[in-house]
All heavy atoms as atom14 arrays in JSON, in Angstrom:
{
  "sequence": "WRWLTGAPMSRQWIDFNAISPALPNSVVAAEDAHFCKHRG",
  "atom14_mask": [
    [1, 1, 1, 1, 1, 1, 1, 1, 1, 1, 1, 1, 1, 1],
    [1, 1, 1, 1, 1, 1, 1, 1, 1, 1, 1, 0, 0, 0],
    [1, 1, 1, 1, 1, 1, 1, 1, 1, 1, 1, 1, 1, 1],
    [1, 1, 1, 1, 1, 1, 1, 1, 0, 0, 0, 0, 0, 0],
    [1, 1, 1, 1, 1, 1, 1, 0, 0, 0, 0, 0, 0, 0],
    [1, 1, 1, 1, 0, 0, 0, 0, 0, 0, 0, 0, 0, 0],
    [1, 1, 1, 1, 1, 0, 0, 0, 0, 0, 0, 0, 0, 0],
    [1, 1, 1, 1, 1, 1, 1, 0, 0, 0, 0, 0, 0, 0],
    [1, 1, 1, 1, 1, 1, 1, 1, 0, 0, 0, 0, 0, 0],
    [1, 1, 1, 1, 1, 1, 0, 0, 0, 0, 0, 0, 0, 0],
    [1, 1, 1, 1, 1, 1, 1, 1, 1, 1, 1, 0, 0, 0],
    [1, 1, 1, 1, 1, 1, 1, 1, 1, 0, 0, 0, 0, 0],
    [1, 1, 1, 1, 1, 1, 1, 1, 1, 1, 1, 1, 1, 1],
    [1, 1, 1, 1, 1, 1, 1, 1, 0, 0, 0, 0, 0, 0],
    [1, 1, 1, 1, 1, 1, 1, 1, 0, 0, 0, 0, 0, 0],
    [1, 1, 1, 1, 1, 1, 1, 1, 1, 1, 1, 0, 0, 0],
    [1, 1, 1, 1, 1, 1, 1, 1, 0, 0, 0, 0, 0, 0],
    [1, 1, 1, 1, 1, 0, 0, 0, 0, 0, 0, 0, 0, 0],
    [1, 1, 1, 1, 1, 1, 1, 1, 0, 0, 0, 0, 0, 0],
    [1, 1, 1, 1, 1, 1, 0, 0, 0, 0, 0, 0, 0, 0],
    [1, 1, 1, 1, 1, 1, 1, 0, 0, 0, 0, 0, 0, 0],
    [1, 1, 1, 1, 1, 0, 0, 0, 0, 0, 0, 0, 0, 0],
    [1, 1, 1, 1, 1, 1, 1, 1, 0, 0, 0, 0, 0, 0],
    [1, 1, 1, 1, 1, 1, 1, 0, 0, 0, 0, 0, 0, 0],
    [1, 1, 1, 1, 1, 1, 1, 1, 0, 0, 0, 0, 0, 0],
    [1, 1, 1, 1, 1, 1, 0, 0, 0, 0, 0, 0, 0, 0],
    [1, 1, 1, 1, 1, 1, 1, 0, 0, 0, 0, 0, 0, 0],
    [1, 1, 1, 1, 1, 1, 1, 0, 0, 0, 0, 0, 0, 0],
    [1, 1, 1, 1, 1, 0, 0, 0, 0, 0, 0, 0, 0, 0],
    [1, 1, 1, 1, 1, 0, 0, 0, 0, 0, 0, 0, 0, 0],
    [1, 1, 1, 1, 1, 1, 1, 1, 1, 0, 0, 0, 0, 0],
    [1, 1, 1, 1, 1, 1, 1, 1, 0, 0, 0, 0, 0, 0],
    [1, 1, 1, 1, 1, 0, 0, 0, 0, 0, 0, 0, 0, 0],
    [1, 1, 1, 1, 1, 1, 1, 1, 1, 1, 0, 0, 0, 0],
    [1, 1, 1, 1, 1, 1, 1, 1, 1, 1, 1, 0, 0, 0],
    [1, 1, 1, 1, 1, 1, 0, 0, 0, 0, 0, 0, 0, 0],
    [1, 1, 1, 1, 1, 1, 1, 1, 1, 0, 0, 0, 0, 0],
    [1, 1, 1, 1, 1, 1, 1, 1, 1, 1, 0, 0, 0, 0],
    [1, 1, 1, 1, 1, 1, 1, 1, 1, 1, 1, 0, 0, 0],
    [1, 1, 1, 1, 0, 0, 0, 0, 0, 0, 0, 0, 0, 0]
  ],
  "atom14_positions": [
    [[2.94, -10.59, -19.79], [3.28, -12.04, -20.01], [4.68, -12.16, -20.43], [5.49, -12.97, -19.98], [2.27, -12.55, -21.04], [2.62, -13.99, -21.35], [3.2, -14.45, -22.6], [2.49, -15.2, -20.63], [3.42, -15.82, -22.49], [2.88, -16.32, -21.3], [1.91, -15.43, -19.31], [2.87, -17.58, -20.87], [1.82, -16.68, -18.81], [2.26, -17.78, -19.54]],
    [[5.27, -11.38, -21.41], [6.55, -11.46, -21.81], [7.61, -11.15, -20.72], [8.6, -11.79, -20.51], [6.86, -10.5, -22.92], [6.09, -10.88, -24.18], [6.41, -9.93, -25.42], [7.81, -10.02, -25.81], [8.18, -10.85, -26.83], [7.26, -11.44, -27.53], [9.47, -10.93, -27.23], [0.0, 0.0, 0.0], [0.0, 0.0, 0.0], [0.0, 0.0, 0.0]],
    [[7.19, -10.22, -19.86], [8.11, -9.9, -18.73], [8.13, -10.99, -17.62], [9.21, -11.42, -17.2], [7.51, -8.58, -17.99], [8.4, -8.18, -16.77], [9.63, -7.61, -16.88], [8.09, -8.38, -15.49], [10.05, -7.3, -15.57], [9.2, -7.89, -14.67], [7.12, -8.94, -14.73], [9.27, -7.9, -13.33], [7.14, -9.13, -13.36], [8.18, -8.53, -12.71]],
    [[6.91, -11.62, -17.48], [6.97, -12.74, -16.43], [7.64, -14.01, -16.91], [8.14, -14.71, -16.17], [5.49, -13.12, -16.17], [4.66, -12.06, -15.27], [3.19, -12.37, -15.3], [5.22, -11.89, -13.86], [0.0, 0.0, 0.0], [0.0, 0.0, 0.0], [0.0, 0.0, 0.0], [0.0, 0.0, 0.0], [0.0, 0.0, 0.0], [0.0, 0.0, 0.0]],
    [[7.61, -14.18, -18.25], [8.24, -15.35, -18.85], [9.68, -15.19, -19.27], [10.39, -16.12, -19.72], [7.5, -15.89, -20.05], [7.4, -14.84, -21.09], [5.99, -16.36, -19.64], [0.0, 0.0, 0.0], [0.0, 0.0, 0.0], [0.0, 0.0, 0.0], [0.0, 0.0, 0.0], [0.0, 0.0, 0.0], [0.0, 0.0, 0.0], [0.0, 0.0, 0.0]],
    [[10.18, -13.96, -19.05], [11.55, -13.69, -19.39], [11.86, -13.38, -20.87], [12.97, -13.31, -21.31], [0.0, 0.0, 0.0], [0.0, 0.0, 0.0], [0.0, 0.0, 0.0], [0.0, 0.0, 0.0], [0.0, 0.0, 0.0], [0.0, 0.0, 0.0], [0.0, 0.0, 0.0], [0.0, 0.0, 0.0], [0.0, 0.0, 0.0], [0.0, 0.0, 0.0]],
    [[10.73, -13.23, -21.62], [10.91, -12.97, -23.05], [11.33, -11.5, -23.17], [11.08, -10.64, -22.33], [9.71, -13.19, -23.9], [0.0, 0.0, 0.0], [0.0, 0.0, 0.0], [0.0, 0.0, 0.0], [0.0, 0.0, 0.0], [0.0, 0.0, 0.0], [0.0, 0.0, 0.0], [0.0, 0.0, 0.0], [0.0, 0.0, 0.0], [0.0, 0.0, 0.0]],
    [[11.99, -11.14, -24.32], [12.48, -9.65, -24.52], [11.27, -8.87, -24.52], [10.18, -9.05, -25.18], [13.18, -9.68, -25.83], [13.54, -11.09, -26.08], [12.47, -11.97, -25.44], [0.0, 0.0, 0.0], [0.0, 0.0, 0.0], [0.0, 0.0, 0.0], [0.0, 0.0, 0.0], [0.0, 0.0, 0.0], [0.0, 0.0, 0.0], [0.0, 0.0, 0.0]],
    [[11.34, -7.71, -23.76], [10.28, -6.71, -23.85], [10.86, -5.35, -23.51], [11.51, -5.18, -22.42], [9.25, -7.06, -22.71], [7.88, -6.37, -22.95], [7.88, -4.63, -22.33], [7.92, -4.96, -20.45], [0.0, 0.0, 0.0], [0.0, 0.0, 0.0], [0.0, 0.0, 0.0], [0.0, 0.0, 0.0], [0.0, 0.0, 0.0], [0.0, 0.0, 0.0]],
    [[10.63, -4.28, -24.29], [10.96, -2.93, -24.07], [9.95, -2.06, -24.36], [9.16, -2.14, -25.35], [12.2, -2.57, -24.88], [11.92, -2.68, -26.38], [0.0, 0.0, 0.0], [0.0, 0.0, 0.0], [0.0, 0.0, 0.0], [0.0, 0.0, 0.0], [0.0, 0.0, 0.0], [0.0, 0.0, 0.0], [0.0, 0.0, 0.0], [0.0, 0.0, 0.0]],
    [[9.71, -1.07, -23.42], [8.66, -0.02, -23.56], [9.06, 1.16, -22.73], [9.36, 1.0, -21.52], [7.33, -0.52, -23.18], [6.12, 0.43, -23.67], [5.85, 1.64, -22.8], [5.46, 1.4, -21.43], [4.14, 1.18, -21.15], [3.23, 1.4, -21.96], [3.85, 1.0, -19.76], [0.0, 0.0, 0.0], [0.0, 0.0, 0.0], [0.0, 0.0, 0.0]],
    [[9.2, 2.27, -23.47], [9.37, 3.62, -22.65], [8.17, 4.57, -22.9], [7.99, 4.85, -24.05], [10.7, 4.19, -23.07], [11.03, 5.64, -22.39], [12.21, 6.31, -22.92], [13.0, 5.62, -23.62], [12.47, 7.39, -22.41], [0.0, 0.0, 0.0], [0.0, 0.0, 0.0], [0.0, 0.0, 0.0], [0.0, 0.0, 0.0], [0.0, 0.0, 0.0]],
    [[7.4, 4.71, -21.84], [6.21, 5.56, -22.02], [6.59, 6.93, -22.61], [7.58, 7.58, -22.07], [5.51, 5.71, -20.74], [4.25, 6.55, -20.78], [4.07, 7.82, -20.84], [3.0, 5.9, -20.97], [2.69, 8.19, -20.97], [2.01, 6.95, -21.11], [2.47, 4.53, -21.14], [0.65, 6.69, -21.24], [1.08, 4.39, -21.32], [0.2, 5.48, -21.33]],
    [[5.73, 7.48, -23.52], [5.92, 8.74, -24.03], [4.61, 9.46, -24.02], [3.59, 8.93, -24.53], [6.61, 8.8, -25.45], [6.68, 10.26, -26.02], [5.67, 7.98, -26.47], [7.46, 10.38, -27.17], [0.0, 0.0, 0.0], [0.0, 0.0, 0.0], [0.0, 0.0, 0.0], [0.0, 0.0, 0.0], [0.0, 0.0, 0.0], [0.0, 0.0, 0.0]],
    [[4.55, 10.61, -23.45], [3.19, 11.37, -23.36], [2.67, 11.71, -24.77], [3.57, 12.07, -25.62], [3.38, 12.64, -22.45], [3.6, 12.32, -20.99], [3.25, 11.09, -20.66], [4.17, 13.11, -20.29], [0.0, 0.0, 0.0], [0.0, 0.0, 0.0], [0.0, 0.0, 0.0], [0.0, 0.0, 0.0], [0.0, 0.0, 0.0], [0.0, 0.0, 0.0]],
    [[1.5, 11.83, -24.83], [0.8, 12.07, -26.16], [1.46, 13.4, -26.75], [1.67, 13.43, -27.92], [-0.7, 12.19, -26.02], [-1.37, 12.29, -27.31], [-1.69, 11.11, -27.99], [-1.67, 13.54, -27.9], [-2.35, 11.27, -29.29], [-2.32, 13.62, -29.11], [-2.61, 12.5, -29.72], [0.0, 0.0, 0.0], [0.0, 0.0, 0.0], [0.0, 0.0, 0.0]],
    [[1.5, 14.36, -25.96], [1.88, 15.71, -26.48], [3.36, 15.69, -26.89], [3.82, 16.61, -27.7], [1.63, 16.89, -25.47], [0.3, 17.13, -25.24], [-0.61, 16.86, -26.1], [-0.03, 17.64, -24.13], [0.0, 0.0, 0.0], [0.0, 0.0, 0.0], [0.0, 0.0, 0.0], [0.0, 0.0, 0.0], [0.0, 0.0, 0.0], [0.0, 0.0, 0.0]],
    [[4.11, 14.69, -26.61], [5.59, 14.57, -27.0], [5.72, 13.89, -28.28], [6.73, 13.88, -28.87], [6.37, 13.97, -25.79], [0.0, 0.0, 0.0], [0.0, 0.0, 0.0], [0.0, 0.0, 0.0], [0.0, 0.0, 0.0], [0.0, 0.0, 0.0], [0.0, 0.0, 0.0], [0.0, 0.0, 0.0], [0.0, 0.0, 0.0], [0.0, 0.0, 0.0]],
    [[4.68, 13.05, -28.72], [4.75, 12.33, -29.91], [4.56, 13.21, -31.16], [3.75, 14.06, -31.15], [3.62, 11.15, -29.87], [3.77, 10.32, -28.69], [3.68, 10.37, -31.08], [2.64, 9.34, -28.5], [0.0, 0.0, 0.0], [0.0, 0.0, 0.0], [0.0, 0.0, 0.0], [0.0, 0.0, 0.0], [0.0, 0.0, 0.0], [0.0, 0.0, 0.0]],
    [[5.33, 12.85, -32.15], [5.08, 13.6, -33.42], [3.69, 13.43, -33.83], [3.14, 12.42, -33.91], [6.07, 13.05, -34.49], [5.7, 13.39, -35.75], [0.0, 0.0, 0.0], [0.0, 0.0, 0.0], [0.0, 0.0, 0.0], [0.0, 0.0, 0.0], [0.0, 0.0, 0.0], [0.0, 0.0, 0.0], [0.0, 0.0, 0.0], [0.0, 0.0, 0.0]],
    [[3.0, 14.53, -34.21], [1.57, 14.5, -34.57], [1.36, 13.55, -35.77], [0.24, 13.07, -35.93], [1.19, 15.9, -34.97], [2.14, 16.77, -34.13], [3.51, 15.94, -34.11], [0.0, 0.0, 0.0], [0.0, 0.0, 0.0], [0.0, 0.0, 0.0], [0.0, 0.0, 0.0], [0.0, 0.0, 0.0], [0.0, 0.0, 0.0], [0.0, 0.0, 0.0]],
    [[2.47, 13.38, -36.53], [2.29, 12.42, -37.72], [1.88, 11.11, -37.38], [1.19, 10.45, -38.09], [3.53, 12.46, -38.52], [0.0, 0.0, 0.0], [0.0, 0.0, 0.0], [0.0, 0.0, 0.0], [0.0, 0.0, 0.0], [0.0, 0.0, 0.0], [0.0, 0.0, 0.0], [0.0, 0.0, 0.0], [0.0, 0.0, 0.0], [0.0, 0.0, 0.0]],
    [[2.32, 10.63, -36.18], [2.04, 9.16, -35.77], [0.55, 8.92, -35.37], [-0.05, 8.03, -36.05], [2.94, 8.75, -34.59], [2.84, 7.25, -34.31], [3.18, 6.41, -35.46], [3.77, 7.01, -33.1], [0.0, 0.0, 0.0], [0.0, 0.0, 0.0], [0.0, 0.0, 0.0], [0.0, 0.0, 0.0], [0.0, 0.0, 0.0], [0.0, 0.0, 0.0]],
    [[-0.04, 9.68, -34.5], [-1.42, 9.44, -34.34], [-2.34, 9.62, -35.58], [-3.22, 8.96, -35.81], [-1.88, 10.35, -33.2], [-0.78, 11.34, -33.15], [0.48, 10.72, -33.6], [0.0, 0.0, 0.0], [0.0, 0.0, 0.0], [0.0, 0.0, 0.0], [0.0, 0.0, 0.0], [0.0, 0.0, 0.0], [0.0, 0.0, 0.0], [0.0, 0.0, 0.0]],
    [[-1.87, 10.64, -36.33], [-2.67, 10.87, -37.58], [-2.56, 9.63, -38.57], [-3.64, 9.12, -38.98], [-2.04, 12.11, -38.36], [-2.34, 13.36, -37.59], [-3.09, 13.47, -36.64], [-1.53, 14.36, -38.02], [0.0, 0.0, 0.0], [0.0, 0.0, 0.0], [0.0, 0.0, 0.0], [0.0, 0.0, 0.0], [0.0, 0.0, 0.0], [0.0, 0.0, 0.0]],
    [[-1.42, 9.08, -38.67], [-1.17, 7.91, -39.55], [-1.94, 6.61, -38.97], [-2.41, 5.87, -39.77], [0.29, 7.64, -39.75], [0.83, 8.63, -40.51], [0.0, 0.0, 0.0], [0.0, 0.0, 0.0], [0.0, 0.0, 0.0], [0.0, 0.0, 0.0], [0.0, 0.0, 0.0], [0.0, 0.0, 0.0], [0.0, 0.0, 0.0], [0.0, 0.0, 0.0]],
    [[-1.74, 6.52, -37.7], [-2.37, 5.31, -36.97], [-3.95, 5.29, -37.13], [-4.51, 4.25, -37.4], [-1.9, 5.25, -35.58], [-2.68, 4.15, -34.78], [-0.39, 4.88, -35.49], [0.0, 0.0, 0.0], [0.0, 0.0, 0.0], [0.0, 0.0, 0.0], [0.0, 0.0, 0.0], [0.0, 0.0, 0.0], [0.0, 0.0, 0.0], [0.0, 0.0, 0.0]],
    [[-4.5, 6.38, -36.87], [-5.96, 6.46, -37.0], [-6.33, 6.32, -38.5], [-7.34, 5.51, -38.78], [-6.41, 7.84, -36.5], [-7.94, 8.0, -36.91], [-6.31, 7.91, -35.03], [0.0, 0.0, 0.0], [0.0, 0.0, 0.0], [0.0, 0.0, 0.0], [0.0, 0.0, 0.0], [0.0, 0.0, 0.0], [0.0, 0.0, 0.0], [0.0, 0.0, 0.0]],
    [[-5.55, 6.87, -39.37], [-5.88, 6.6, -40.86], [-5.78, 5.09, -41.19], [-6.49, 4.64, -42.04], [-4.88, 7.38, -41.7], [0.0, 0.0, 0.0], [0.0, 0.0, 0.0], [0.0, 0.0, 0.0], [0.0, 0.0, 0.0], [0.0, 0.0, 0.0], [0.0, 0.0, 0.0], [0.0, 0.0, 0.0], [0.0, 0.0, 0.0], [0.0, 0.0, 0.0]],
    [[-4.81, 4.41, -40.56], [-4.57, 3.06, -40.87], [-5.55, 2.03, -40.1], [-6.08, 1.13, -40.71], [-3.15, 2.61, -40.53], [0.0, 0.0, 0.0], [0.0, 0.0, 0.0], [0.0, 0.0, 0.0], [0.0, 0.0, 0.0], [0.0, 0.0, 0.0], [0.0, 0.0, 0.0], [0.0, 0.0, 0.0], [0.0, 0.0, 0.0], [0.0, 0.0, 0.0]],
    [[-5.83, 2.37, -38.83], [-6.56, 1.43, -38.07], [-8.0, 1.68, -37.8], [-8.82, 0.77, -37.48], [-5.75, 1.34, -36.71], [-4.4, 0.84, -36.75], [-4.33, -0.75, -36.93], [-4.6, -1.44, -35.93], [-3.92, -1.12, -38.06], [0.0, 0.0, 0.0], [0.0, 0.0, 0.0], [0.0, 0.0, 0.0], [0.0, 0.0, 0.0], [0.0, 0.0, 0.0]],
    [[-8.41, 2.94, -37.84], [-9.74, 3.33, -37.37], [-10.18, 4.66, -37.92], [-10.11, 5.65, -37.17], [-9.65, 3.26, -35.81], [-11.14, 3.36, -35.28], [-12.14, 3.5, -35.97], [-11.2, 3.3, -33.94], [0.0, 0.0, 0.0], [0.0, 0.0, 0.0], [0.0, 0.0, 0.0], [0.0, 0.0, 0.0], [0.0, 0.0, 0.0], [0.0, 0.0, 0.0]],
    [[-10.5, 4.71, -39.16], [-10.9, 6.06, -39.75], [-12.0, 6.67, -39.16], [-12.1, 7.92, -39.25], [-11.16, 5.78, -41.3], [0.0, 0.0, 0.0], [0.0, 0.0, 0.0], [0.0, 0.0, 0.0], [0.0, 0.0, 0.0], [0.0, 0.0, 0.0], [0.0, 0.0, 0.0], [0.0, 0.0, 0.0], [0.0, 0.0, 0.0], [0.0, 0.0, 0.0]],
    [[-12.97, 5.89, -38.48], [-14.01, 6.61, -37.79], [-13.84, 6.79, -36.32], [-14.75, 6.9, -35.42], [-15.3, 5.75, -38.05], [-15.73, 5.73, -39.44], [-16.29, 4.59, -40.01], [-15.58, 6.58, -40.43], [-16.52, 4.86, -41.28], [-16.08, 5.98, -41.64], [0.0, 0.0, 0.0], [0.0, 0.0, 0.0], [0.0, 0.0, 0.0], [0.0, 0.0, 0.0]],
    [[-12.65, 6.82, -35.9], [-12.21, 6.84, -34.49], [-12.97, 8.1, -33.78], [-13.44, 7.87, -32.53], [-10.71, 7.06, -34.29], [-10.23, 7.2, -32.93], [-10.35, 6.11, -32.0], [-9.7, 8.42, -32.47], [-9.92, 6.27, -30.65], [-9.27, 8.59, -31.2], [-9.32, 7.44, -30.35], [0.0, 0.0, 0.0], [0.0, 0.0, 0.0], [0.0, 0.0, 0.0]],
    [[-13.03, 9.18, -34.41], [-13.68, 10.33, -33.81], [-15.17, 10.28, -33.76], [-15.83, 11.05, -33.22], [-13.28, 11.6, -34.46], [-11.47, 12.0, -34.19], [0.0, 0.0, 0.0], [0.0, 0.0, 0.0], [0.0, 0.0, 0.0], [0.0, 0.0, 0.0], [0.0, 0.0, 0.0], [0.0, 0.0, 0.0], [0.0, 0.0, 0.0], [0.0, 0.0, 0.0]],
    [[-15.87, 9.32, -34.53], [-17.2, 9.32, -34.62], [-17.9, 8.31, -33.79], [-19.11, 8.49, -33.39], [-17.64, 9.07, -36.09], [-17.15, 10.17, -37.09], [-17.51, 9.82, -38.52], [-16.96, 11.01, -39.52], [-17.3, 10.6, -40.9], [0.0, 0.0, 0.0], [0.0, 0.0, 0.0], [0.0, 0.0, 0.0], [0.0, 0.0, 0.0], [0.0, 0.0, 0.0]],
    [[-17.3, 7.11, -33.69], [-17.9, 6.05, -32.99], [-17.72, 6.14, -31.39], [-16.91, 7.05, -30.99], [-17.47, 4.56, -33.45], [-16.0, 4.35, -33.24], [-15.38, 4.3, -31.91], [-14.96, 4.33, -34.07], [-14.1, 4.03, -32.08], [-13.85, 4.06, -33.33], [0.0, 0.0, 0.0], [0.0, 0.0, 0.0], [0.0, 0.0, 0.0], [0.0, 0.0, 0.0]],
    [[-18.54, 5.37, -30.78], [-18.4, 5.33, -29.26], [-17.79, 4.13, -28.7], [-18.26, 3.41, -27.78], [-19.75, 5.38, -28.65], [-20.61, 6.74, -29.19], [-19.72, 8.1, -28.95], [-19.33, 8.31, -27.6], [-18.54, 9.26, -27.21], [-18.04, 10.04, -28.12], [-18.24, 9.48, -25.9], [0.0, 0.0, 0.0], [0.0, 0.0, 0.0], [0.0, 0.0, 0.0]],
    [[-16.73, 3.72, -29.4], [-15.91, 2.43, -28.99], [-16.02, 1.39, -29.9], [-15.1, 0.6, -30.01], [0.0, 0.0, 0.0], [0.0, 0.0, 0.0], [0.0, 0.0, 0.0], [0.0, 0.0, 0.0], [0.0, 0.0, 0.0], [0.0, 0.0, 0.0], [0.0, 0.0, 0.0], [0.0, 0.0, 0.0], [0.0, 0.0, 0.0], [0.0, 0.0, 0.0]]
  ]
}
């Protein structure tokens, strides 16, 4: 939507294995502590 409306938008894809492990660890701790246990 931002791209279609001309609003600023930047994203550069980064593969999971290239991301610092600290980020997924922190995001799961913050957003979804049971991520590994539930089925969605």
